[in-house]
Amino acid sequence: MTFTAEPTTGLAESFRSLDVDQQLALFYFIYKKMGDSVTPAAPGASTTSSEIAEGLFNQVKEMSHQEQLQLQRDLITHKNNLIAREYGALSDTTKLLFWYLLACGMDEGTVSPMPADYKLSAQAEQLMSQITGLEFQQQITLFRNIVAPMGVDPNSAQHDRDTNL
């Protein structure tokens, strides 16, 4: 099966145009709806990826709920901190697994949960509808396009005086 990356590229750009909290919420709702099928089938998934994602997740799990939420925001906004650098060094598959673990942690209460009455914006709802309408491989491509640029690439990041990294 062949398809162009154009639909996923446009959807990834639309995703990034949402404010940070809407991005987090939409990603959570995507994982709630499709995570069980997407994550185990992520091409290139390996035991090593799982162990690395779990190691990073365990660091996050030790934080307060407020720190966990801030860290997720920091990943999206590329704030230069140690975990954002660790995340930035991961493969795209491991990044997908990490976000899946965060969504599971939210459900279990080990990660700052989604407020029960949280509503997606109309733009995010429309984007969710478009994403669920994609073919499976296009969804995987889109999710990779979303998670890949998050965090901070430790190989190309400039020195940050605030964090001394």
Protein backbone atom coordinates (compact mmCIF):
# COMPACT_ATOMS: atom_id res chain seq x y z
CA MET A 1 0.00 0.00 0.00
CA THR A 2 1.34 3.42 -0.91
CA PHE A 3 0.36 6.78 0.43
CA THR A 4 1.87 10.20 0.60
CA ALA A 5 2.96 11.79 3.85
CA GLU A 6 1.11 14.99 2.95
CA PRO A 7 -2.08 14.27 4.94
CA THR A 8 -0.04 13.35 8.01
CA THR A 9 2.28 16.33 7.60
CA GLY A 10 -0.67 18.72 7.49
CA LEU A 11 -2.31 17.04 10.48
CA ALA A 12 0.95 17.18 12.46
CA GLU A 13 1.17 20.91 11.71
CA SER A 14 -2.47 21.35 12.77
CA PHE A 15 -1.70 19.46 15.97
CA ARG A 16 1.26 21.74 16.72
CA SER A 17 -0.92 24.82 16.08
CA LEU A 18 -3.05 23.94 19.12
CA ASP A 19 -2.09 25.45 22.46
CA VAL A 20 0.08 23.21 24.64
CA ASP A 21 -2.70 21.95 26.90
CA GLN A 22 -4.94 21.14 23.94
CA GLN A 23 -2.05 19.19 22.39
CA LEU A 24 -1.65 17.22 25.61
CA ALA A 25 -5.38 16.58 25.88
CA LEU A 26 -5.74 15.55 22.25
CA PHE A 27 -2.77 13.22 22.50
CA TYR A 28 -4.29 11.66 25.64
CA PHE A 29 -7.67 11.19 23.95
CA ILE A 30 -5.95 9.71 20.88
CA TYR A 31 -4.16 7.20 23.07
CA LYS A 32 -7.37 6.43 24.95
CA LYS A 33 -9.13 5.73 21.68
CA MET A 34 -6.36 4.06 19.70
CA GLY A 35 -3.37 3.47 21.96
CA ASP A 36 -3.93 -0.22 22.55
CA SER A 37 -3.74 -0.93 18.84
CA VAL A 38 -1.11 1.65 17.91
CA THR A 39 1.57 1.07 20.51
CA PRO A 40 2.01 -2.71 20.28
CA ALA A 41 2.02 -2.47 16.50
CA ALA A 42 4.46 0.43 16.28
CA PRO A 43 6.99 -0.65 13.66
CA GLY A 44 10.41 -1.29 15.13
CA ALA A 45 9.16 -1.79 18.68
CA SER A 46 11.58 -3.89 20.67
CA THR A 47 12.24 -5.02 24.20
CA THR A 48 14.99 -2.42 24.44
CA SER A 49 12.60 0.36 23.42
CA SER A 50 10.17 -0.76 26.11
CA GLU A 51 12.85 -0.83 28.79
CA ILE A 52 14.12 2.63 27.87
CA ALA A 53 10.60 4.11 27.72
CA GLU A 54 9.77 2.53 31.08
CA GLY A 55 12.98 3.91 32.60
CA LEU A 56 12.09 7.45 31.55
CA PHE A 57 8.48 6.94 32.62
CA ASN A 58 9.65 5.77 36.06
CA GLN A 59 11.54 9.05 36.48
CA VAL A 60 8.36 10.97 35.67
CA LYS A 61 6.27 8.78 37.98
CA GLU A 62 8.42 9.89 40.94
CA MET A 63 7.49 13.56 40.37
CA SER A 64 4.52 15.38 41.86
CA HIS A 65 1.47 15.64 39.60
CA GLN A 66 2.19 19.33 38.98
CA GLU A 67 5.79 18.54 37.99
CA GLN A 68 4.55 15.76 35.69
CA LEU A 69 2.18 18.11 33.92
CA GLN A 70 4.89 20.75 33.60
CA LEU A 71 7.31 18.19 32.18
CA GLN A 72 4.80 17.20 29.49
CA ARG A 73 4.38 20.87 28.61
CA ASP A 74 8.17 21.26 28.57
CA LEU A 75 8.51 18.40 26.09
CA ILE A 76 6.10 20.10 23.71
CA THR A 77 7.71 23.54 24.09
CA HIS A 78 11.28 22.17 23.91
CA LYS A 79 12.30 23.48 27.33
CA ASN A 80 15.89 22.47 27.89
CA ASN A 81 15.98 20.21 30.95
CA LEU A 82 17.49 16.82 31.69
CA ILE A 83 14.41 14.72 30.95
CA ALA A 84 13.66 16.69 27.77
CA ARG A 85 17.21 15.89 26.63
CA GLU A 86 16.85 12.22 27.56
CA TYR A 87 13.57 12.16 25.64
CA GLY A 88 15.16 13.95 22.67
CA ALA A 89 17.78 11.20 22.39
CA LEU A 90 15.14 8.45 22.09
CA SER A 91 14.04 6.78 18.86
CA ASP A 92 10.63 7.77 17.55
CA THR A 93 9.28 4.32 18.49
CA THR A 94 10.50 4.72 22.07
CA LYS A 95 8.94 8.19 22.19
CA LEU A 96 5.59 6.66 21.14
CA LEU A 97 5.90 4.06 23.87
CA PHE A 98 6.76 6.74 26.44
CA TRP A 99 3.61 8.75 25.62
CA TYR A 100 1.56 5.57 25.77
CA LEU A 101 2.96 4.88 29.26
CA LEU A 102 2.07 8.44 30.30
CA ALA A 103 -1.53 7.91 29.11
CA CYS A 104 -1.71 4.60 31.01
CA GLY A 105 -0.25 6.31 34.07
CA MET A 106 -2.92 8.99 33.83
CA ASP A 107 -5.59 6.28 33.88
CA GLU A 108 -3.93 4.53 36.83
CA GLY A 109 -3.44 7.76 38.78
CA THR A 110 0.36 7.56 38.87
CA VAL A 111 0.57 10.49 36.42
CA SER A 112 -1.36 13.73 36.70
CA PRO A 113 -4.84 12.75 35.46
CA MET A 114 -6.95 14.48 32.86
CA PRO A 115 -9.64 16.57 34.57
CA ALA A 116 -12.92 14.62 34.32
CA ASP A 117 -14.76 17.58 32.80
CA TYR A 118 -12.03 18.54 30.29
CA LYS A 119 -13.37 19.39 26.84
CA LEU A 120 -11.37 19.56 23.64
CA SER A 121 -11.70 22.72 21.58
CA ALA A 122 -13.68 22.52 18.34
CA GLN A 123 -10.40 22.60 16.41
CA ALA A 124 -9.00 19.69 18.46
CA GLU A 125 -12.26 17.72 18.07
CA GLN A 126 -12.10 18.18 14.30
CA LEU A 127 -8.47 17.09 14.28
CA MET A 128 -9.37 14.00 16.34
CA SER A 129 -12.00 13.10 13.76
CA GLN A 130 -9.51 13.47 10.93
CA ILE A 131 -6.93 11.35 12.75
CA THR A 132 -9.36 8.53 13.46
CA GLY A 133 -10.31 8.56 9.77
CA LEU A 134 -6.75 7.82 8.63
CA GLU A 135 -5.57 4.37 7.65
CA PHE A 136 -3.55 2.60 10.34
CA GLN A 137 -0.12 3.19 8.74
CA GLN A 138 -0.96 6.86 8.25
CA GLN A 139 -1.86 7.10 11.95
CA ILE A 140 1.51 5.59 12.88
CA THR A 141 3.28 8.06 10.58
CA LEU A 142 1.32 10.94 12.08
CA PHE A 143 2.09 9.91 15.65
CA ARG A 144 5.78 9.65 14.80
CA ASN A 145 5.62 13.11 13.20
CA ILE A 146 4.03 14.46 16.36
CA VAL A 147 6.39 12.92 18.95
CA ALA A 148 9.65 13.12 16.99
CA PRO A 149 10.35 16.86 17.39
CA MET A 150 9.25 17.03 21.04
CA GLY A 151 11.87 17.38 23.75
CA VAL A 152 15.38 18.65 23.15
CA ASP A 153 17.95 17.00 20.90
CA PRO A 154 21.03 16.82 23.15
CA ASN A 155 23.33 16.74 20.13
CA SER A 156 22.19 20.07 18.73
CA ALA A 157 20.92 21.99 21.77
CA GLN A 158 22.67 25.18 22.66
CA HIS A 159 23.77 25.79 26.24
CA ASP A 160 20.89 26.91 28.46
CA ARG A 161 21.98 29.26 31.25
CA ASP A 162 18.79 28.60 33.27
CA THR A 163 19.34 24.85 33.49
CA ASN A 164 23.12 24.87 32.89
CA LEU A 165 22.65 22.13 30.29
